[in-house]
Amino acid sequence: MPITITMPALSPTMEEGTLASWQVKAGDTVAAGDVLCEIETDKATMEVEAVDEGTIGKLLVEAGTEGVKVNAPIAVLLEEGEDESALEGYEPEGGAAPPPAETAQPEPEAPRPAKQPAASAADDARAPAPKPASGGGGRIFASPLAKRMAEQAGLDLAAIEGSGPKGRVVKRDIEAAVKAGTAKKAAPQAAATAAAAPAPTPLAVAGDYPPATDDYEEIKLNSMRKTIARRLTEAKQTIPHFYLTMDIELDRLLAMRKDLNGRSDAYRISVNDFIIRATALALHRHPEINAQFTGEAILQHRKVDVSVAVAIEGGLITPVIRDADRKGLVEIANQAKDLAGRARDGKLKPEEYQGGTCTVSNLGMFGIDQFVAVINPPQSTILAVGSGKQKPVVKDGALAVATVMTATLSCDHRVYGGAEGARFLETLKGFLEDPVTMLL
């Protein structure tokens, strides 16, 4: 009996992914462990291996298809001795496979007058055997944006050849028709209706799609950017943030860093490595900060796993340094460098970027003096640090110059209050201003 291959859940929070590419084709023989395809999640592109051996009977989802739900069938594997005849009447487990769509499915349309015969004929020729609409006329397959652009340009959608999935008319088809000037004008009745409609506003209103114009470039959201938008919107809507800011002098730290880096070529310790180490030790000393809110309880983590924000193409990822409070500066430096490099190459495993208990975000290397960061749920804390710059300070009643870094703690008020956050920052400041204490 054929075996259904489904979209795997590559992380506990994964709900859908993009089938980036197939490494096999129908008719190929595969063994357990062979790479079948590459799946793009919100964090990385990962290879999916075959679990069973057999012959690829059919690929149900085209390469490049986005929004494939977890457990949706993506291919069918034939067992030994089976051929294509075994697929007759076979229904893949897990429900129907998603269409190989490049864009979202069309929104339901309100009832409208029947099309002119010519339009229906063109539509029927383009769509795969659509059922006739009640009262005659066929449905025009087009994206909402394409419909709006065609209406504004006075074009007849039925006269435009669609290049989208199943002949669907998409944005690029309208742009090509406008440029070529060959598309037939809309029927008089449709044109009159369009003329009577209110003129579109120059700017899109909230919740509306941007108007069709040459004044912008549409950049499609990748899975990572969609997840960032969803999670951080949720964070700002559901987490009562409050912020604590403190200036920290770095001169002793910079001197120690220079001394340590001059002792060996086997490592290179950065200022951020010191910050990670100090954050981990401060979390160990203040377990009320190393916690999360569940709605029913507060969970204080026994382990200190520090997430480190790394900017990558198309988004942000936070690889985790496990048990950071138990690791020395050199181990933290080497691990942070390795994780950041593989993060930028999209080679991290899910367990390497999931499950942190607090996040450190450093924009100092970009010259940013100070900023506030959005908490990454389910964590309750993120530390935002800026660049260290020489500033005038008062010491013992006299004016002096010191290298000062501003650190801002974003806090979840459901988990702890201002006093607890202030004590945490005070401890962090102590470690960074007297870095030898981090070695004790």
Protein backbone atom coordinates (compact mmCIF):
# COMPACT_ATOMS: atom_id res chain seq x y z
CA MET A 1 0.00 0.00 0.00
CA PRO A 2 1.40 3.46 -0.87
CA ILE A 3 2.90 5.52 1.96
CA THR A 4 1.94 9.17 2.36
CA ILE A 5 4.83 11.55 3.05
CA THR A 6 3.62 14.58 5.01
CA MET A 7 4.99 17.99 5.88
CA PRO A 8 7.07 17.39 9.03
CA ALA A 9 6.98 19.57 12.15
CA LEU A 10 10.60 20.70 12.36
CA SER A 11 10.03 22.57 15.61
CA PRO A 12 7.46 22.48 18.42
CA THR A 13 5.94 25.80 17.28
CA MET A 14 5.97 25.17 13.53
CA GLU A 15 2.51 25.31 11.97
CA GLU A 16 3.43 25.65 8.31
CA GLY A 17 6.47 25.94 6.09
CA THR A 18 7.70 26.50 2.56
CA LEU A 19 8.66 23.50 0.44
CA ALA A 20 11.80 25.14 -0.89
CA SER A 21 13.00 22.38 -3.23
CA TRP A 22 12.67 18.70 -4.10
CA GLN A 23 15.82 16.58 -4.21
CA VAL A 24 13.92 13.68 -5.82
CA LYS A 25 11.40 13.26 -8.64
CA ALA A 26 8.65 10.79 -9.45
CA GLY A 27 10.13 7.39 -10.26
CA ASP A 28 13.25 7.80 -8.11
CA THR A 29 14.14 4.98 -5.73
CA VAL A 30 14.97 6.16 -2.21
CA ALA A 31 16.28 4.48 0.93
CA ALA A 32 15.90 5.48 4.57
CA GLY A 33 18.15 8.48 5.21
CA ASP A 34 18.11 9.83 1.65
CA VAL A 35 17.32 13.55 1.40
CA LEU A 36 13.85 14.09 -0.07
CA CYS A 37 13.40 17.85 0.04
CA GLU A 38 14.36 21.11 1.72
CA ILE A 39 11.84 22.82 3.99
CA GLU A 40 12.09 26.51 4.85
CA THR A 41 10.81 27.30 8.32
CA ASP A 42 10.66 30.67 10.02
CA LYS A 43 14.24 30.17 11.24
CA ALA A 44 16.21 28.06 8.77
CA THR A 45 16.16 25.85 5.69
CA MET A 46 16.41 22.20 6.68
CA GLU A 47 16.77 18.92 4.82
CA VAL A 48 14.08 16.25 5.25
CA GLU A 49 15.20 12.63 4.99
CA ALA A 50 13.23 9.55 3.95
CA VAL A 51 12.08 7.27 6.75
CA ASP A 52 11.07 4.36 4.54
CA GLU A 53 12.49 2.90 1.35
CA GLY A 54 10.58 2.69 -1.90
CA THR A 55 9.89 4.55 -5.13
CA ILE A 56 8.56 8.09 -5.36
CA GLY A 57 5.11 7.61 -6.88
CA LYS A 58 3.95 11.21 -7.01
CA LEU A 59 4.93 14.67 -5.78
CA LEU A 60 1.80 16.37 -4.45
CA VAL A 61 3.27 19.82 -3.74
CA GLU A 62 5.41 21.82 -6.14
CA ALA A 63 8.77 23.24 -5.11
CA GLY A 64 8.46 26.82 -3.90
CA THR A 65 4.98 26.36 -2.45
CA GLU A 66 4.48 28.46 0.68
CA GLY A 67 2.16 27.95 3.61
CA VAL A 68 2.15 24.14 3.54
CA LYS A 69 0.51 23.06 6.80
CA VAL A 70 2.23 20.59 9.09
CA ASN A 71 1.01 17.02 8.41
CA ALA A 72 -0.34 17.98 4.97
CA PRO A 73 0.56 15.30 2.36
CA ILE A 74 3.40 16.37 0.09
CA ALA A 75 4.30 13.15 -1.73
CA VAL A 76 3.40 9.47 -2.09
CA LEU A 77 5.93 6.66 -1.76
CA LEU A 78 5.35 3.29 -3.45
CA GLU A 79 6.47 0.20 -1.56
CA GLU A 80 8.48 -2.62 -3.10
CA GLY A 81 6.56 -4.37 -5.88
CA GLU A 82 4.07 -1.50 -6.39
CA ASP A 83 3.76 0.60 -9.52
CA GLU A 84 1.71 3.64 -10.57
CA SER A 85 -1.46 1.55 -10.72
CA ALA A 86 -1.40 1.46 -6.91
CA LEU A 87 -2.18 5.18 -6.92
CA GLU A 88 -5.55 4.73 -8.62
CA GLY A 89 -8.21 5.67 -6.10
CA TYR A 90 -5.60 6.16 -3.39
CA GLU A 91 -6.41 9.07 -1.05
CA PRO A 92 -3.31 10.47 0.70
CA GLU A 93 -3.57 10.39 4.47
CA GLY A 94 -3.91 13.73 6.23
CA GLY A 95 -6.35 15.31 3.81
CA ALA A 96 -5.94 16.95 0.46
CA ALA A 97 -2.58 18.45 -0.45
CA PRO A 98 -2.46 22.23 -0.73
CA PRO A 99 -2.47 23.70 -4.23
CA PRO A 100 0.95 24.80 -5.53
CA ALA A 101 0.02 28.43 -5.00
CA GLU A 102 2.35 31.39 -5.20
CA THR A 103 -0.11 33.68 -3.49
CA ALA A 104 -3.00 33.40 -1.07
CA GLN A 105 -6.23 31.85 -2.28
CA PRO A 106 -8.80 34.26 -3.73
CA GLU A 107 -11.15 35.87 -1.26
CA PRO A 108 -14.82 34.86 -1.55
CA GLU A 109 -16.60 37.09 -4.01
CA ALA A 110 -19.98 38.67 -3.62
CA PRO A 111 -22.62 37.69 -6.23
CA ARG A 112 -22.34 39.72 -9.41
CA PRO A 113 -24.04 39.91 -12.82
CA ALA A 114 -23.25 37.21 -15.34
CA LYS A 115 -20.27 37.80 -17.64
CA GLN A 116 -20.56 38.51 -21.32
CA PRO A 117 -20.22 35.32 -23.42
CA ALA A 118 -16.78 36.33 -24.70
CA ALA A 119 -15.46 36.80 -21.19
CA SER A 120 -16.86 33.46 -20.09
CA ALA A 121 -15.25 31.68 -23.02
CA ALA A 122 -11.86 33.19 -22.29
CA ASP A 123 -12.22 32.33 -18.64
CA ASP A 124 -13.22 28.74 -19.44
CA ALA A 125 -10.21 28.36 -21.72
CA ARG A 126 -7.87 29.51 -18.97
CA ALA A 127 -9.28 27.72 -15.90
CA PRO A 128 -9.16 23.93 -15.44
CA ALA A 129 -12.75 22.87 -16.15
CA PRO A 130 -14.62 25.27 -13.87
CA LYS A 131 -18.24 24.62 -13.15
CA PRO A 132 -20.61 27.04 -14.88
CA ALA A 133 -21.95 29.72 -12.58
CA SER A 134 -25.65 29.89 -11.91
CA GLY A 135 -27.33 31.75 -14.73
CA GLY A 136 -24.40 31.36 -17.15
CA GLY A 137 -20.90 32.82 -17.25
CA GLY A 138 -17.66 31.51 -15.70
CA ARG A 139 -15.52 32.68 -12.84
CA ILE A 140 -12.41 34.71 -13.52
CA PHE A 141 -9.46 33.44 -11.48
CA ALA A 142 -7.50 36.50 -10.32
CA SER A 143 -5.88 37.77 -7.14
CA PRO A 144 -7.64 40.62 -5.31
CA LEU A 145 -4.76 42.95 -6.19
CA ALA A 146 -4.94 42.01 -9.88
CA LYS A 147 -8.68 42.73 -9.90
CA ARG A 148 -8.16 46.14 -8.35
CA MET A 149 -5.34 47.01 -10.74
CA ALA A 150 -7.39 45.90 -13.76
CA GLU A 151 -10.36 47.98 -12.63
CA GLN A 152 -8.20 51.07 -12.16
CA ALA A 153 -6.56 50.57 -15.57
CA GLY A 154 -9.87 49.86 -17.30
CA LEU A 155 -8.83 46.39 -18.43
CA ASP A 156 -10.96 43.32 -19.05
CA LEU A 157 -9.62 40.50 -16.87
CA ALA A 158 -11.13 37.91 -19.21
CA ALA A 159 -8.86 39.14 -22.02
CA ILE A 160 -5.66 38.75 -19.99
CA GLU A 161 -3.74 35.48 -19.99
CA GLY A 162 -2.94 34.48 -16.41
CA SER A 163 0.54 33.22 -15.49
CA GLY A 164 -0.28 32.23 -11.91
CA PRO A 165 -1.21 28.77 -10.66
CA LYS A 166 -3.99 27.20 -12.75
CA GLY A 167 -4.08 30.24 -15.04
CA ARG A 168 -4.77 32.71 -12.26
CA VAL A 169 -4.27 36.37 -13.19
CA VAL A 170 -1.74 38.00 -10.88
CA LYS A 171 -0.09 41.38 -10.50
CA ARG A 172 2.64 40.79 -13.09
CA ASP A 173 0.03 39.93 -15.75
CA ILE A 174 -1.76 43.26 -15.23
CA GLU A 175 1.53 45.16 -15.35
CA ALA A 176 2.47 43.39 -18.60
CA ALA A 177 -0.93 44.14 -20.13
CA VAL A 178 -0.69 47.82 -19.21
CA LYS A 179 2.83 48.06 -20.62
CA ALA A 180 1.96 46.25 -23.87
CA GLY A 181 -1.29 48.13 -24.34
CA THR A 182 -2.87 45.07 -25.93
CA ALA A 183 -5.48 44.16 -23.32
CA LYS A 184 -9.06 44.77 -24.37
CA LYS A 185 -10.86 47.56 -22.57
CA ALA A 186 -13.58 46.61 -20.16
CA ALA A 187 -17.11 46.27 -21.52
CA PRO A 188 -19.14 49.50 -21.47
CA GLN A 189 -21.29 48.31 -18.60
CA ALA A 190 -18.24 47.39 -16.51
CA ALA A 191 -16.51 50.64 -17.45
CA ALA A 192 -19.56 52.64 -16.42
CA THR A 193 -19.66 50.81 -13.10
CA ALA A 194 -15.97 51.52 -12.55
CA ALA A 195 -16.48 55.19 -13.42
CA ALA A 196 -19.34 55.48 -10.96
CA ALA A 197 -17.29 53.95 -8.17
CA PRO A 198 -15.49 56.33 -5.80
CA ALA A 199 -11.94 57.14 -6.82
CA PRO A 200 -9.32 55.28 -4.75
CA THR A 201 -7.57 57.32 -2.10
CA PRO A 202 -3.87 58.08 -2.75
CA LEU A 203 -2.82 56.16 0.37
CA ALA A 204 -4.07 52.83 1.62
CA VAL A 205 -6.27 52.98 4.67
CA ALA A 206 -5.61 50.73 7.65
CA GLY A 207 -6.30 47.11 6.76
CA ASP A 208 -6.42 47.75 3.01
CA TYR A 209 -3.88 46.60 0.46
CA PRO A 210 -1.65 49.33 -1.06
CA PRO A 211 -3.02 50.84 -4.28
CA ALA A 212 -1.54 49.82 -7.61
CA THR A 213 1.21 52.31 -8.43
CA ASP A 214 4.80 52.43 -9.59
CA ASP A 215 5.82 54.33 -6.46
CA TYR A 216 6.81 51.25 -4.45
CA GLU A 217 8.30 47.79 -4.77
CA GLU A 218 6.33 44.95 -3.25
CA ILE A 219 8.60 42.67 -1.20
CA LYS A 220 7.02 39.34 -0.37
CA LEU A 221 7.18 38.27 3.28
CA ASN A 222 9.26 35.19 3.94
CA SER A 223 8.37 32.71 6.69
CA MET A 224 10.79 34.29 9.15
CA ARG A 225 9.43 37.81 8.70
CA LYS A 226 5.86 36.55 9.06
CA THR A 227 6.74 34.83 12.33
CA ILE A 228 8.59 37.89 13.65
CA ALA A 229 5.58 40.06 12.84
CA ARG A 230 3.15 37.66 14.50
CA ARG A 231 5.17 36.93 17.64
CA LEU A 232 6.31 40.47 18.38
CA THR A 233 2.85 41.90 17.73
CA GLU A 234 1.57 39.35 20.21
CA ALA A 235 4.33 40.35 22.64
CA LYS A 236 3.45 44.05 22.57
CA GLN A 237 -0.28 43.33 22.83
CA THR A 238 -0.13 40.80 25.66
CA ILE A 239 3.03 41.53 27.68
CA PRO A 240 2.95 44.61 29.95
CA HIS A 241 6.46 45.91 29.20
CA PHE A 242 8.34 48.28 31.45
CA TYR A 243 11.90 49.48 30.97
CA LEU A 244 14.89 50.10 33.23
CA THR A 245 18.02 51.90 31.99
CA MET A 246 21.48 52.10 33.54
CA ASP A 247 24.87 53.47 32.47
CA ILE A 248 27.81 51.09 32.88
CA GLU A 249 31.51 52.02 32.71
CA LEU A 250 33.63 49.68 30.61
CA ASP A 251 37.23 50.85 31.06
CA ARG A 252 38.29 47.97 33.32
CA LEU A 253 36.52 45.49 31.07
CA LEU A 254 38.24 46.85 27.96
CA ALA A 255 41.63 46.63 29.65
CA MET A 256 41.01 43.01 30.70
CA ARG A 257 39.76 42.11 27.23
CA LYS A 258 42.90 43.51 25.64
CA ASP A 259 45.08 41.61 28.09
CA LEU A 260 43.26 38.28 27.60
CA ASN A 261 43.20 38.52 23.79
CA GLY A 262 46.92 39.28 23.79
CA ARG A 263 47.72 36.02 25.58
CA SER A 264 46.68 33.62 22.79
CA ASP A 265 45.60 33.41 19.15
CA ALA A 266 43.29 30.49 19.94
CA TYR A 267 40.39 32.75 20.90
CA ARG A 268 39.04 36.24 20.46
CA ILE A 269 36.85 37.55 23.27
CA SER A 270 34.43 40.38 22.39
CA VAL A 271 32.71 42.87 24.62
CA ASN A 272 29.48 41.03 23.91
CA ASP A 273 30.98 37.83 25.31
CA PHE A 274 31.61 39.65 28.60
CA ILE A 275 28.00 40.90 28.52
CA ILE A 276 26.65 37.37 27.95
CA ARG A 277 28.75 36.03 30.83
CA ALA A 278 27.69 38.85 33.16
CA THR A 279 24.02 38.43 32.19
CA ALA A 280 24.18 34.70 32.91
CA LEU A 281 25.78 35.21 36.32
CA ALA A 282 23.24 37.91 37.21
CA LEU A 283 20.37 35.60 36.18
CA HIS A 284 21.83 32.85 38.37
CA ARG A 285 21.91 35.26 41.30
CA HIS A 286 18.38 36.57 40.59
CA PRO A 287 16.25 33.55 39.58
CA GLU A 288 13.08 35.67 39.69
CA ILE A 289 14.29 37.30 36.45
CA ASN A 290 15.12 33.93 34.85
CA ALA A 291 11.43 33.07 34.60
CA GLN A 292 8.35 33.09 32.39
CA PHE A 293 4.60 33.65 32.77
CA THR A 294 2.21 30.85 31.81
CA GLY A 295 -1.15 32.41 32.72
CA GLU A 296 -1.57 30.05 35.66
CA ALA A 297 1.88 30.23 37.24
CA ILE A 298 5.39 31.70 37.02
CA LEU A 299 8.05 29.21 36.00
CA GLN A 300 11.52 29.89 37.41
CA HIS A 301 14.07 28.09 35.25
CA ARG A 302 16.77 26.06 36.94
CA LYS A 303 19.05 26.44 33.91
CA VAL A 304 20.42 29.71 32.58
CA ASP A 305 20.23 29.60 28.78
CA VAL A 306 21.06 32.95 27.20
CA SER A 307 19.67 33.73 23.73
CA VAL A 308 21.84 36.03 21.61
CA ALA A 309 20.15 38.14 18.93
CA VAL A 310 21.83 37.70 15.53
CA ALA A 311 20.77 39.74 12.50
CA ILE A 312 20.54 37.63 9.34
CA GLU A 313 19.24 38.27 5.84
CA GLY A 314 15.48 38.68 5.99
CA GLY A 315 15.12 38.75 9.75
CA LEU A 316 16.53 37.92 13.15
CA ILE A 317 17.39 34.69 14.95
CA THR A 318 18.38 34.03 18.55
CA PRO A 319 20.75 31.07 18.98
CA VAL A 320 21.07 29.91 22.58
CA ILE A 321 24.17 29.46 24.73
CA ARG A 322 23.14 26.71 27.15
CA ASP A 323 24.23 26.80 30.80
CA ALA A 324 25.95 30.11 30.15
CA ASP A 325 26.47 30.69 33.87
CA ARG A 326 28.69 27.60 34.00
CA LYS A 327 30.88 28.51 31.03
CA GLY A 328 34.01 30.65 30.94
CA LEU A 329 34.65 33.57 28.64
CA VAL A 330 36.65 31.59 26.09
CA GLU A 331 33.98 28.88 25.80
CA ILE A 332 31.25 31.50 25.45
CA ALA A 333 33.27 33.39 22.83
CA ASN A 334 33.93 30.28 20.71
CA GLN A 335 30.35 29.04 20.95
CA ALA A 336 28.84 32.46 20.19
CA LYS A 337 31.03 32.83 17.10
CA ASP A 338 30.11 29.34 15.86
CA LEU A 339 26.37 29.83 16.43
CA ALA A 340 26.32 33.25 14.78
CA GLY A 341 28.17 31.97 11.71
CA ARG A 342 25.84 29.01 11.22
CA ALA A 343 22.83 31.24 11.89
CA ARG A 344 23.78 33.48 8.99
CA ASP A 345 24.23 30.40 6.79
CA GLY A 346 20.80 29.05 7.82
CA LYS A 347 22.40 25.90 9.26
CA LEU A 348 21.17 25.98 12.85
CA LYS A 349 19.23 23.03 14.25
CA PRO A 350 15.93 23.82 16.02
CA GLU A 351 17.35 22.90 19.42
CA GLU A 352 20.08 25.51 18.92
CA TYR A 353 17.70 28.47 18.72
CA GLN A 354 14.80 27.38 20.92
CA GLY A 355 14.29 27.45 24.67
CA GLY A 356 16.36 30.40 25.87
CA THR A 357 15.44 31.92 29.23
CA CYS A 358 16.61 35.51 28.51
CA THR A 359 17.89 37.39 25.46
CA VAL A 360 20.82 39.76 24.93
CA SER A 361 20.51 42.17 21.98
CA ASN A 362 23.57 44.30 21.19
CA LEU A 363 23.51 47.09 18.57
CA GLY A 364 26.67 48.76 19.84
CA MET A 365 28.66 47.63 16.80
CA PHE A 366 26.34 49.81 14.67
CA GLY A 367 27.03 52.91 16.75
CA ILE A 368 23.65 52.87 18.51
CA ASP A 369 23.86 54.63 21.88
CA GLN A 370 20.64 53.33 23.42
CA PHE A 371 17.49 51.44 22.44
CA VAL A 372 14.67 49.38 23.91
CA ALA A 373 13.87 45.88 22.71
CA VAL A 374 10.64 43.88 22.50
CA ILE A 375 10.49 40.81 24.75
CA ASN A 376 10.64 37.52 22.88
CA PRO A 377 7.86 35.34 24.36
CA PRO A 378 7.70 33.18 26.39
CA GLN A 379 10.72 34.87 27.94
CA SER A 380 10.15 37.70 30.40
CA THR A 381 13.36 39.68 29.85
CA ILE A 382 15.55 41.08 27.08
CA LEU A 383 18.67 43.19 27.63
CA ALA A 384 19.39 45.88 25.02
CA VAL A 385 22.92 47.29 25.02
CA GLY A 386 24.37 50.16 23.03
CA SER A 387 27.92 51.15 22.15
CA GLY A 388 30.56 52.11 24.66
CA LYS A 389 31.58 55.73 24.17
CA GLN A 390 33.79 58.11 26.06
CA LYS A 391 31.69 60.50 28.12
CA PRO A 392 32.29 62.98 30.93
CA VAL A 393 31.57 61.52 34.36
CA VAL A 394 31.93 62.78 37.92
CA LYS A 395 34.22 60.73 40.18
CA ASP A 396 34.93 61.72 43.75
CA GLY A 397 33.59 65.19 43.05
CA ALA A 398 35.86 65.76 40.06
CA LEU A 399 35.13 65.66 36.34
CA ALA A 400 36.67 62.71 34.47
CA VAL A 401 36.28 60.80 31.20
CA ALA A 402 35.08 57.19 31.08
CA THR A 403 33.90 54.71 28.45
CA VAL A 404 30.19 54.38 29.15
CA MET A 405 27.66 51.88 27.78
CA THR A 406 23.90 52.25 28.24
CA ALA A 407 21.94 49.09 28.98
CA THR A 408 18.14 48.91 28.95
CA LEU A 409 16.21 46.02 30.46
CA SER A 410 12.76 45.26 28.99
CA CYS A 411 10.72 43.55 31.70
CA ASP A 412 7.48 41.58 31.87
CA HIS A 413 5.54 43.15 34.75
CA ARG A 414 3.49 39.98 35.17
CA VAL A 415 6.64 38.14 36.29
CA TYR A 416 8.51 40.69 38.42
CA GLY A 417 8.46 44.34 39.40
CA GLY A 418 10.73 47.35 39.16
CA ALA A 419 12.67 46.61 42.34
CA GLU A 420 13.61 43.11 41.18
CA GLY A 421 14.64 44.40 37.77
CA ALA A 422 16.71 47.18 39.34
CA ARG A 423 18.58 44.72 41.57
CA PHE A 424 19.34 42.55 38.54
CA LEU A 425 20.77 45.55 36.64
CA GLU A 426 22.79 46.55 39.69
CA THR A 427 24.36 43.09 39.81
CA LEU A 428 25.02 43.15 36.05
CA LYS A 429 26.69 46.56 36.40
CA GLY A 430 28.89 45.24 39.19
CA PHE A 431 30.17 42.34 37.07
CA LEU A 432 30.89 44.53 34.03
CA GLU A 433 32.52 47.39 35.90
CA ASP A 434 34.70 45.00 37.94
CA PRO A 435 35.11 42.13 35.48
CA VAL A 436 37.57 40.18 37.60
CA THR A 437 34.58 39.19 39.75
CA MET A 438 33.25 37.20 36.77
CA LEU A 439 36.29 34.94 37.04
CA LEU A 440 35.79 34.06 40.70
